Amino acid sequence: MRRHPRRGEAGSEVTEAPSAGRADIGRRIGVGLMYGLWKPRVLGAWKVPAAGPAILAVNHSHNIDGPMVMGVAPRPTHFLIKKEAFVGPLDPFLLGIGQLKVDRTTADRTAITQALGVLENGGVLGIFPEGTRGDGDFASLRAGLSYFAVRSGAPIVPVAVLGSTEWRGRLIKGLPPLRSRVDVVFGDPFEAGDGSGRRTRTALDEATVRIQKQLTAHLENARRLTGR
């Protein structure tokens, strides 16, 4: 049996996937914070598969988008988060609640292995397919989402977070006003691949096009449903 390297071994990285138990701790913390500070309105959470691997593809326009989804999703979620966020006490905290640190400047093999491990273990992987905060409109997708979806065969669940950037809070300018409403809309799961099982560059590019159409359509529908 192949032994996973452990923390503290010379020249090694921790590559085993974090446990769902850790992510569940993060979910419990997120529930308390998100519902305590704001008023989430969650639509379509029942569409997330109740078991088995799944990928949540979340639009990203504000720093609270990840914690918000983590707190309202029906299953514990392991998010791929840029390594720049793992500073000071946030580093052990984020790792302790099962989140994945990724270096966006390179092909981060440790993060890739851990993310695939989450899916192989039947867990839920959270991804911001735009790669960074922006308008949150899925206008430009990076290749990571298509790679994980095609490689693992896990269904993608589109998630739209709306309302996190509409107003600035009076007490904390960088956050939405306390007790304001933030909508989180889950969409229908879909397969990224074409059924051929191909993992070539062309297949991934084609999958990215299909994914972008699905995510854009979901965002438009979410805006109609919420009036935002």
C-alpha atoms as a PDB file:
ATOM      1  CA  MET A   1       0.000   0.000   0.000  1.00  0.00           C
ATOM      2  CA  ARG A   2       1.341   3.430  -0.926  1.00  0.00           C
ATOM      3  CA  ARG A   3       2.082   5.480   2.168  1.00  0.00           C
ATOM      4  CA  HIS A   4       1.129   9.131   2.102  1.00  0.00           C
ATOM      5  CA  PRO A   5       3.862  11.505   3.277  1.00  0.00           C
ATOM      6  CA  ARG A   6       3.146  13.080   6.613  1.00  0.00           C
ATOM      7  CA  ARG A   7       3.719  16.564   7.943  1.00  0.00           C
ATOM      8  CA  GLY A   8       7.246  17.010   9.218  1.00  0.00           C
ATOM      9  CA  GLU A   9       8.965  14.436   7.026  1.00  0.00           C
ATOM     10  CA  ALA A  10      11.993  15.902   5.314  1.00  0.00           C
ATOM     11  CA  GLY A  11      11.475  16.896   1.688  1.00  0.00           C
ATOM     12  CA  SER A  12       7.811  15.901   1.665  1.00  0.00           C
ATOM     13  CA  GLU A  13       4.472  17.634   1.269  1.00  0.00           C
ATOM     14  CA  VAL A  14       1.173  16.615   2.852  1.00  0.00           C
ATOM     15  CA  THR A  15      -0.736  15.257  -0.130  1.00  0.00           C
ATOM     16  CA  GLU A  16      -3.521  13.216   1.420  1.00  0.00           C
ATOM     17  CA  ALA A  17      -6.972  14.748   1.182  1.00  0.00           C
ATOM     18  CA  PRO A  18      -8.321  16.409   4.337  1.00  0.00           C
ATOM     19  CA  SER A  19     -11.145  14.555   6.030  1.00  0.00           C
ATOM     20  CA  ALA A  20     -14.820  15.404   5.608  1.00  0.00           C
ATOM     21  CA  GLY A  21     -14.901  15.750   9.386  1.00  0.00           C
ATOM     22  CA  ARG A  22     -12.646  18.788   9.187  1.00  0.00           C
ATOM     23  CA  ALA A  23     -14.824  20.373   6.519  1.00  0.00           C
ATOM     24  CA  ASP A  24     -17.884  19.661   8.646  1.00  0.00           C
ATOM     25  CA  ILE A  25     -16.315  21.692  11.446  1.00  0.00           C
ATOM     26  CA  GLY A  26     -15.881  24.516   8.939  1.00  0.00           C
ATOM     27  CA  ARG A  27     -19.507  24.166   7.879  1.00  0.00           C
ATOM     28  CA  ARG A  28     -20.717  24.410  11.471  1.00  0.00           C
ATOM     29  CA  ILE A  29     -18.633  27.532  12.036  1.00  0.00           C
ATOM     30  CA  GLY A  30     -19.886  28.973   8.745  1.00  0.00           C
ATOM     31  CA  VAL A  31     -23.522  28.333   9.676  1.00  0.00           C
ATOM     32  CA  GLY A  32     -23.136  30.306  12.880  1.00  0.00           C
ATOM     33  CA  LEU A  33     -21.254  33.209  11.323  1.00  0.00           C
ATOM     34  CA  MET A  34     -23.217  33.584   8.095  1.00  0.00           C
ATOM     35  CA  TYR A  35     -26.660  33.329   9.679  1.00  0.00           C
ATOM     36  CA  GLY A  36     -25.549  35.376  12.650  1.00  0.00           C
ATOM     37  CA  LEU A  37     -24.120  38.289  10.635  1.00  0.00           C
ATOM     38  CA  TRP A  38     -26.302  38.279   7.524  1.00  0.00           C
ATOM     39  CA  LYS A  39     -29.594  36.901   6.221  1.00  0.00           C
ATOM     40  CA  PRO A  40     -28.796  34.202   3.663  1.00  0.00           C
ATOM     41  CA  ARG A  41     -31.623  33.155   1.371  1.00  0.00           C
ATOM     42  CA  VAL A  42     -30.792  29.722  -0.031  1.00  0.00           C
ATOM     43  CA  LEU A  43     -32.505  28.372  -3.134  1.00  0.00           C
ATOM     44  CA  GLY A  44     -32.064  24.928  -4.692  1.00  0.00           C
ATOM     45  CA  ALA A  45     -29.821  23.403  -2.027  1.00  0.00           C
ATOM     46  CA  TRP A  46     -31.665  20.101  -2.574  1.00  0.00           C
ATOM     47  CA  LYS A  47     -30.038  19.917  -6.011  1.00  0.00           C
ATOM     48  CA  VAL A  48     -26.640  19.132  -4.490  1.00  0.00           C
ATOM     49  CA  PRO A  49     -26.178  15.331  -4.702  1.00  0.00           C
ATOM     50  CA  ALA A  50     -26.811  13.834  -1.276  1.00  0.00           C
ATOM     51  CA  ALA A  51     -23.829  11.493  -1.579  1.00  0.00           C
ATOM     52  CA  GLY A  52     -20.837  10.882  -3.795  1.00  0.00           C
ATOM     53  CA  PRO A  53     -18.347  13.311  -5.318  1.00  0.00           C
ATOM     54  CA  ALA A  54     -19.522  16.730  -6.464  1.00  0.00           C
ATOM     55  CA  ILE A  55     -17.938  20.028  -7.477  1.00  0.00           C
ATOM     56  CA  LEU A  56     -19.490  23.342  -6.473  1.00  0.00           C
ATOM     57  CA  ALA A  57     -18.597  25.993  -9.084  1.00  0.00           C
ATOM     58  CA  VAL A  58     -19.109  29.352  -7.375  1.00  0.00           C
ATOM     59  CA  ASN A  59     -19.004  32.841  -8.862  1.00  0.00           C
ATOM     60  CA  HIS A  60     -16.650  35.126  -6.969  1.00  0.00           C
ATOM     61  CA  SER A  61     -17.113  38.839  -6.389  1.00  0.00           C
ATOM     62  CA  HIS A  62     -16.516  39.174  -2.628  1.00  0.00           C
ATOM     63  CA  ASN A  63     -14.398  37.584   0.082  1.00  0.00           C
ATOM     64  CA  ILE A  64     -17.463  36.291   1.931  1.00  0.00           C
ATOM     65  CA  ASP A  65     -18.638  34.201  -1.054  1.00  0.00           C
ATOM     66  CA  GLY A  66     -16.637  31.147  -0.003  1.00  0.00           C
ATOM     67  CA  PRO A  67     -17.550  31.233   3.692  1.00  0.00           C
ATOM     68  CA  MET A  68     -21.170  31.913   2.744  1.00  0.00           C
ATOM     69  CA  VAL A  69     -21.377  28.815   0.531  1.00  0.00           C
ATOM     70  CA  MET A  70     -19.462  26.794   3.112  1.00  0.00           C
ATOM     71  CA  GLY A  71     -22.062  27.734   5.717  1.00  0.00           C
ATOM     72  CA  VAL A  72     -25.241  27.225   3.675  1.00  0.00           C
ATOM     73  CA  ALA A  73     -24.289  24.211   1.516  1.00  0.00           C
ATOM     74  CA  PRO A  74     -26.058  20.995   2.583  1.00  0.00           C
ATOM     75  CA  ARG A  75     -22.747  19.088   2.666  1.00  0.00           C
ATOM     76  CA  PRO A  76     -19.278  19.876   4.052  1.00  0.00           C
ATOM     77  CA  THR A  77     -17.180  21.524   1.350  1.00  0.00           C
ATOM     78  CA  HIS A  78     -13.429  21.673   0.748  1.00  0.00           C
ATOM     79  CA  PHE A  79     -12.584  24.889  -1.125  1.00  0.00           C
ATOM     80  CA  LEU A  80      -9.471  25.457  -3.187  1.00  0.00           C
ATOM     81  CA  ILE A  81      -8.209  28.785  -1.784  1.00  0.00           C
ATOM     82  CA  LYS A  82      -5.257  30.871  -2.954  1.00  0.00           C
ATOM     83  CA  LYS A  83      -2.207  30.465  -0.745  1.00  0.00           C
ATOM     84  CA  GLU A  84      -2.081  34.231  -0.134  1.00  0.00           C
ATOM     85  CA  ALA A  85      -5.111  33.847   2.151  1.00  0.00           C
ATOM     86  CA  PHE A  86      -3.211  31.452   4.443  1.00  0.00           C
ATOM     87  CA  VAL A  87      -1.457  34.131   6.488  1.00  0.00           C
ATOM     88  CA  GLY A  88      -0.828  34.254  10.234  1.00  0.00           C
ATOM     89  CA  PRO A  89      -3.453  32.430  12.311  1.00  0.00           C
ATOM     90  CA  LEU A  90      -5.617  31.878   9.213  1.00  0.00           C
ATOM     91  CA  ASP A  91      -3.130  29.276   7.954  1.00  0.00           C
ATOM     92  CA  PRO A  92      -3.689  26.640  10.665  1.00  0.00           C
ATOM     93  CA  PHE A  93      -7.362  27.612  10.925  1.00  0.00           C
ATOM     94  CA  LEU A  94      -8.160  27.077   7.224  1.00  0.00           C
ATOM     95  CA  LEU A  95      -6.149  23.860   7.105  1.00  0.00           C
ATOM     96  CA  GLY A  96      -7.877  22.708  10.281  1.00  0.00           C
ATOM     97  CA  ILE A  97     -11.325  23.067   8.700  1.00  0.00           C
ATOM     98  CA  GLY A  98     -10.340  21.065   5.637  1.00  0.00           C
ATOM     99  CA  GLN A  99      -9.649  23.799   3.110  1.00  0.00           C
ATOM    100  CA  LEU A 100      -7.021  23.390   0.387  1.00  0.00           C
ATOM    101  CA  LYS A 101      -4.121  25.777  -0.173  1.00  0.00           C
ATOM    102  CA  VAL A 102      -3.256  26.341  -3.849  1.00  0.00           C
ATOM    103  CA  ASP A 103      -0.434  28.238  -5.532  1.00  0.00           C
ATOM    104  CA  ARG A 104      -2.058  29.861  -8.575  1.00  0.00           C
ATOM    105  CA  THR A 105       1.275  30.766 -10.168  1.00  0.00           C
ATOM    106  CA  THR A 106       2.190  27.175 -10.989  1.00  0.00           C
ATOM    107  CA  ALA A 107       0.773  23.696 -11.482  1.00  0.00           C
ATOM    108  CA  ASP A 108       0.449  22.984  -7.766  1.00  0.00           C
ATOM    109  CA  ARG A 109       0.747  19.203  -7.639  1.00  0.00           C
ATOM    110  CA  THR A 110       0.044  19.009  -3.913  1.00  0.00           C
ATOM    111  CA  ALA A 111      -3.219  20.936  -4.254  1.00  0.00           C
ATOM    112  CA  ILE A 112      -4.205  18.938  -7.343  1.00  0.00           C
ATOM    113  CA  THR A 113      -3.575  15.635  -5.561  1.00  0.00           C
ATOM    114  CA  GLN A 114      -5.518  16.735  -2.492  1.00  0.00           C
ATOM    115  CA  ALA A 115      -8.461  18.016  -4.563  1.00  0.00           C
ATOM    116  CA  LEU A 116      -8.672  14.799  -6.557  1.00  0.00           C
ATOM    117  CA  GLY A 117      -8.442  12.908  -3.276  1.00  0.00           C
ATOM    118  CA  VAL A 118     -11.470  14.780  -1.923  1.00  0.00           C
ATOM    119  CA  LEU A 119     -13.467  13.661  -4.966  1.00  0.00           C
ATOM    120  CA  GLU A 120     -12.120  10.110  -4.864  1.00  0.00           C
ATOM    121  CA  ASN A 121     -13.292   9.920  -1.250  1.00  0.00           C
ATOM    122  CA  GLY A 122     -16.796  10.964  -2.316  1.00  0.00           C
ATOM    123  CA  GLY A 123     -16.491  14.504  -0.954  1.00  0.00           C
ATOM    124  CA  VAL A 124     -17.494  17.950  -2.180  1.00  0.00           C
ATOM    125  CA  LEU A 125     -14.897  20.226  -3.775  1.00  0.00           C
ATOM    126  CA  GLY A 126     -15.534  23.972  -3.979  1.00  0.00           C
ATOM    127  CA  ILE A 127     -13.951  25.940  -6.830  1.00  0.00           C
ATOM    128  CA  PHE A 128     -14.022  29.553  -7.959  1.00  0.00           C
ATOM    129  CA  PRO A 129     -13.672  28.864 -11.697  1.00  0.00           C
ATOM    130  CA  GLU A 130     -12.807  32.493 -12.475  1.00  0.00           C
ATOM    131  CA  GLY A 131      -9.669  32.034 -10.389  1.00  0.00           C
ATOM    132  CA  THR A 132      -9.937  35.341  -8.553  1.00  0.00           C
ATOM    133  CA  ARG A 133     -12.446  37.926  -7.403  1.00  0.00           C
ATOM    134  CA  GLY A 134     -14.005  40.007 -10.165  1.00  0.00           C
ATOM    135  CA  ASP A 135     -17.457  40.794 -11.465  1.00  0.00           C
ATOM    136  CA  GLY A 136     -18.620  37.298 -10.554  1.00  0.00           C
ATOM    137  CA  ASP A 137     -20.202  36.745 -13.961  1.00  0.00           C
ATOM    138  CA  PHE A 138     -18.304  33.604 -15.082  1.00  0.00           C
ATOM    139  CA  ALA A 139     -17.024  35.609 -18.094  1.00  0.00           C
ATOM    140  CA  SER A 140     -13.530  34.126 -17.934  1.00  0.00           C
ATOM    141  CA  LEU A 141     -12.866  30.612 -16.663  1.00  0.00           C
ATOM    142  CA  ARG A 142      -9.547  29.015 -15.844  1.00  0.00           C
ATOM    143  CA  ALA A 143      -8.848  25.420 -16.836  1.00  0.00           C
ATOM    144  CA  GLY A 144      -8.836  23.952 -13.330  1.00  0.00           C
ATOM    145  CA  LEU A 145     -12.570  23.289 -13.118  1.00  0.00           C
ATOM    146  CA  SER A 146     -12.728  21.363 -16.393  1.00  0.00           C
ATOM    147  CA  TYR A 147      -9.654  19.344 -15.405  1.00  0.00           C
ATOM    148  CA  PHE A 148     -11.088  18.212 -12.071  1.00  0.00           C
ATOM    149  CA  ALA A 149     -14.519  17.525 -13.553  1.00  0.00           C
ATOM    150  CA  VAL A 150     -13.270  15.519 -16.526  1.00  0.00           C
ATOM    151  CA  ARG A 151     -10.566  13.708 -14.562  1.00  0.00           C
ATOM    152  CA  SER A 152     -12.887  12.686 -11.705  1.00  0.00           C
ATOM    153  CA  GLY A 153     -16.194  12.374 -13.551  1.00  0.00           C
ATOM    154  CA  ALA A 154     -17.843  14.281 -10.677  1.00  0.00           C
ATOM    155  CA  PRO A 155     -20.918  16.366 -11.547  1.00  0.00           C
ATOM    156  CA  ILE A 156     -20.650  20.145 -11.379  1.00  0.00           C
ATOM    157  CA  VAL A 157     -23.224  22.075  -9.369  1.00  0.00           C
ATOM    158  CA  PRO A 158     -23.332  25.771 -10.375  1.00  0.00           C
ATOM    159  CA  VAL A 159     -23.682  28.175  -7.465  1.00  0.00           C
ATOM    160  CA  ALA A 160     -24.523  31.881  -7.727  1.00  0.00           C
ATOM    161  CA  VAL A 161     -23.888  34.186  -4.771  1.00  0.00           C
ATOM    162  CA  LEU A 162     -25.775  37.460  -5.244  1.00  0.00           C
ATOM    163  CA  GLY A 163     -25.967  40.541  -3.067  1.00  0.00           C
ATOM    164  CA  SER A 164     -22.552  40.384  -1.406  1.00  0.00           C
ATOM    165  CA  THR A 165     -21.316  43.485  -3.275  1.00  0.00           C
ATOM    166  CA  GLU A 166     -24.459  45.603  -3.568  1.00  0.00           C
ATOM    167  CA  TRP A 167     -23.738  47.803  -0.531  1.00  0.00           C
ATOM    168  CA  ARG A 168     -20.869  48.477   1.826  1.00  0.00           C
ATOM    169  CA  GLY A 169     -21.360  48.076   5.517  1.00  0.00           C
ATOM    170  CA  ARG A 170     -21.249  51.120   7.766  1.00  0.00           C
ATOM    171  CA  LEU A 171     -19.222  49.462  10.510  1.00  0.00           C
ATOM    172  CA  ILE A 172     -16.877  47.432   8.301  1.00  0.00           C
ATOM    173  CA  LYS A 173     -16.527  48.931   4.826  1.00  0.00           C
ATOM    174  CA  GLY A 174     -15.130  45.738   3.312  1.00  0.00           C
ATOM    175  CA  LEU A 175     -18.186  43.640   4.220  1.00  0.00           C
ATOM    176  CA  PRO A 176     -21.869  43.742   3.259  1.00  0.00           C
ATOM    177  CA  PRO A 177     -24.071  45.560   5.800  1.00  0.00           C
ATOM    178  CA  LEU A 178     -24.831  43.423   8.838  1.00  0.00           C
ATOM    179  CA  ARG A 179     -28.159  41.583   8.611  1.00  0.00           C
ATOM    180  CA  SER A 180     -28.454  42.341   4.891  1.00  0.00           C
ATOM    181  CA  ARG A 181     -29.761  39.635   2.572  1.00  0.00           C
ATOM    182  CA  VAL A 182     -27.380  37.538   0.504  1.00  0.00           C
ATOM    183  CA  ASP A 183     -28.843  35.067  -1.977  1.00  0.00           C
ATOM    184  CA  VAL A 184     -27.196  31.716  -2.707  1.00  0.00           C
ATOM    185  CA  VAL A 185     -28.726  29.813  -5.616  1.00  0.00           C
ATOM    186  CA  PHE A 186     -27.730  26.217  -6.390  1.00  0.00           C
ATOM    187  CA  GLY A 187     -28.329  24.925  -9.915  1.00  0.00           C
ATOM    188  CA  ASP A 188     -28.874  21.560 -11.548  1.00  0.00           C
ATOM    189  CA  PRO A 189     -25.826  19.239 -11.583  1.00  0.00           C
ATOM    190  CA  PHE A 190     -24.306  18.554 -14.992  1.00  0.00           C
ATOM    191  CA  GLU A 191     -21.476  16.534 -16.498  1.00  0.00           C
ATOM    192  CA  ALA A 192     -18.555  18.454 -18.005  1.00  0.00           C
ATOM    193  CA  GLY A 193     -17.268  15.712 -20.296  1.00  0.00           C
ATOM    194  CA  ASP A 194     -18.729  14.547 -23.591  1.00  0.00           C
ATOM    195  CA  GLY A 195     -19.007  10.939 -22.456  1.00  0.00           C
ATOM    196  CA  SER A 196     -15.942   9.796 -24.389  1.00  0.00           C
ATOM    197  CA  GLY A 197     -13.634   9.725 -21.390  1.00  0.00           C
ATOM    198  CA  ARG A 198     -11.033  11.776 -23.281  1.00  0.00           C
ATOM    199  CA  ARG A 199      -8.641  13.880 -21.196  1.00  0.00           C
ATOM    200  CA  THR A 200      -6.738  15.591 -23.992  1.00  0.00           C
ATOM    201  CA  ARG A 201      -6.138  19.336 -24.155  1.00  0.00           C
ATOM    202  CA  THR A 202      -8.833  19.577 -26.829  1.00  0.00           C
ATOM    203  CA  ALA A 203     -11.292  17.666 -24.643  1.00  0.00           C
ATOM    204  CA  LEU A 204     -10.583  19.989 -21.695  1.00  0.00           C
ATOM    205  CA  ASP A 205     -11.005  23.071 -23.887  1.00  0.00           C
ATOM    206  CA  GLU A 206     -14.327  21.756 -25.160  1.00  0.00           C
ATOM    207  CA  ALA A 207     -15.397  20.981 -21.600  1.00  0.00           C
ATOM    208  CA  THR A 208     -14.539  24.533 -20.543  1.00  0.00           C
ATOM    209  CA  VAL A 209     -16.820  25.909 -23.262  1.00  0.00           C
ATOM    210  CA  ARG A 210     -19.681  23.654 -22.130  1.00  0.00           C
ATOM    211  CA  ILE A 211     -19.107  24.595 -18.498  1.00  0.00           C
ATOM    212  CA  GLN A 212     -19.116  28.314 -19.226  1.00  0.00           C
ATOM    213  CA  LYS A 213     -22.432  28.080 -21.072  1.00  0.00           C
ATOM    214  CA  GLN A 214     -23.999  26.181 -18.167  1.00  0.00           C
ATOM    215  CA  LEU A 215     -22.650  28.528 -15.501  1.00  0.00           C
ATOM    216  CA  THR A 216     -23.660  31.660 -17.408  1.00  0.00           C
ATOM    217  CA  ALA A 217     -27.176  30.316 -17.956  1.00  0.00           C
ATOM    218  CA  HIS A 218     -27.456  29.466 -14.265  1.00  0.00           C
ATOM    219  CA  LEU A 219     -26.328  32.941 -13.226  1.00  0.00           C
ATOM    220  CA  GLU A 220     -28.917  34.554 -15.499  1.00  0.00           C
ATOM    221  CA  ASN A 221     -31.627  32.301 -14.077  1.00  0.00           C
ATOM    222  CA  ALA A 222     -30.503  33.048 -10.512  1.00  0.00           C
ATOM    223  CA  ARG A 223     -30.780  36.773 -11.175  1.00  0.00           C
ATOM    224  CA  ARG A 224     -34.293  36.327 -12.508  1.00  0.00           C
ATOM    225  CA  LEU A 225     -35.317  34.238  -9.494  1.00  0.00           C
ATOM    226  CA  THR A 226     -33.913  36.697  -6.957  1.00  0.00           C
ATOM    227  CA  GLY A 227     -34.538  39.957  -8.797  1.00  0.00           C
ATOM    228  CA  ARG A 228     -30.850  40.889  -8.551  1.00  0.00           C
END
